[in-house]
Amino acid sequence: MAKAKTGDRYVCDECGMVVSVEEPCTCDACGIVCCDLPMVKAPGAARKAKKKAAPAKAKKAKAARR
């Protein structure tokens, strides 16, 4: 498995649990496991995570100006 990067999402094919990476991995190879099986990277996960984070940042900035 490749290095896990901030914003990556992994899904368990067995139970459907989703894991979002908040801190980048510094290991050579990162193995995220659930139900005794390696989790698979969700397609387009980093892009979706960035999209979701952008509106939240804008709201915080707006609230700070008040």
Protein backbone atom coordinates (compact mmCIF):
# COMPACT_ATOMS: atom_id res chain seq x y z
CA MET A 1 0.00 0.00 0.00
CA ALA A 2 1.26 3.50 -0.78
CA LYS A 3 1.76 6.28 1.74
CA ALA A 4 -1.44 7.70 3.17
CA LYS A 5 -1.72 11.44 2.51
CA THR A 6 -3.85 14.10 4.14
CA GLY A 7 -7.36 14.00 2.67
CA ASP A 8 -7.15 10.38 1.49
CA ARG A 9 -10.15 8.21 2.31
CA TYR A 10 -10.10 4.44 2.69
CA VAL A 11 -13.13 2.15 2.60
CA CYS A 12 -13.58 -1.34 4.06
CA ASP A 13 -15.05 -3.66 1.41
CA GLU A 14 -16.42 -5.92 4.16
CA CYS A 15 -18.34 -3.55 6.49
CA GLY A 16 -18.27 -0.21 4.62
CA MET A 17 -16.44 1.78 7.29
CA VAL A 18 -14.69 4.87 5.90
CA VAL A 19 -11.42 6.29 7.29
CA SER A 20 -10.25 9.82 6.45
CA VAL A 21 -6.56 10.63 6.84
CA GLU A 22 -5.95 13.87 8.76
CA GLU A 23 -2.18 13.56 9.33
CA PRO A 24 0.14 12.39 6.53
CA CYS A 25 1.84 9.02 7.04
CA THR A 26 5.62 8.95 7.36
CA CYS A 27 5.96 5.16 6.94
CA ASP A 28 7.42 3.60 3.79
CA ALA A 29 4.19 1.67 3.30
CA CYS A 30 1.02 2.25 5.28
CA GLY A 31 -1.46 -0.56 5.87
CA ILE A 32 -4.89 0.46 7.13
CA VAL A 33 -6.80 -2.69 8.12
CA CYS A 34 -10.45 -3.33 9.01
CA CYS A 35 -12.24 -6.69 9.38
CA ASP A 36 -8.80 -8.36 9.01
CA LEU A 37 -8.60 -7.05 5.40
CA PRO A 38 -6.59 -4.14 3.97
CA MET A 39 -8.80 -1.13 3.29
CA VAL A 40 -8.94 0.22 -0.28
CA LYS A 41 -8.46 3.85 -1.24
CA ALA A 42 -11.71 5.53 -2.25
CA PRO A 43 -11.52 7.07 -5.75
CA GLY A 44 -11.29 10.87 -5.84
CA ALA A 45 -11.18 11.04 -2.06
CA ALA A 46 -8.61 13.82 -1.67
CA ARG A 47 -10.49 16.09 -4.07
CA LYS A 48 -13.79 15.54 -2.21
CA ALA A 49 -12.17 16.18 1.16
CA LYS A 50 -10.72 19.49 -0.06
CA LYS A 51 -14.11 20.53 -1.48
CA LYS A 52 -15.83 19.85 1.85
CA ALA A 53 -13.15 21.70 3.83
CA ALA A 54 -13.26 24.85 1.68
CA PRO A 55 -16.79 26.04 2.67
CA ALA A 56 -16.04 25.44 6.37
CA LYS A 57 -12.95 27.66 6.19
CA ALA A 58 -14.94 30.42 4.50
CA LYS A 59 -17.61 30.32 7.24
CA LYS A 60 -14.96 30.54 9.99
CA ALA A 61 -13.32 33.53 8.33
CA LYS A 62 -16.67 35.27 7.95
CA ALA A 63 -17.56 34.66 11.61
CA ALA A 64 -14.18 36.00 12.77
CA ARG A 65 -14.79 39.31 10.98
CA ARG A 66 -17.96 39.98 13.00
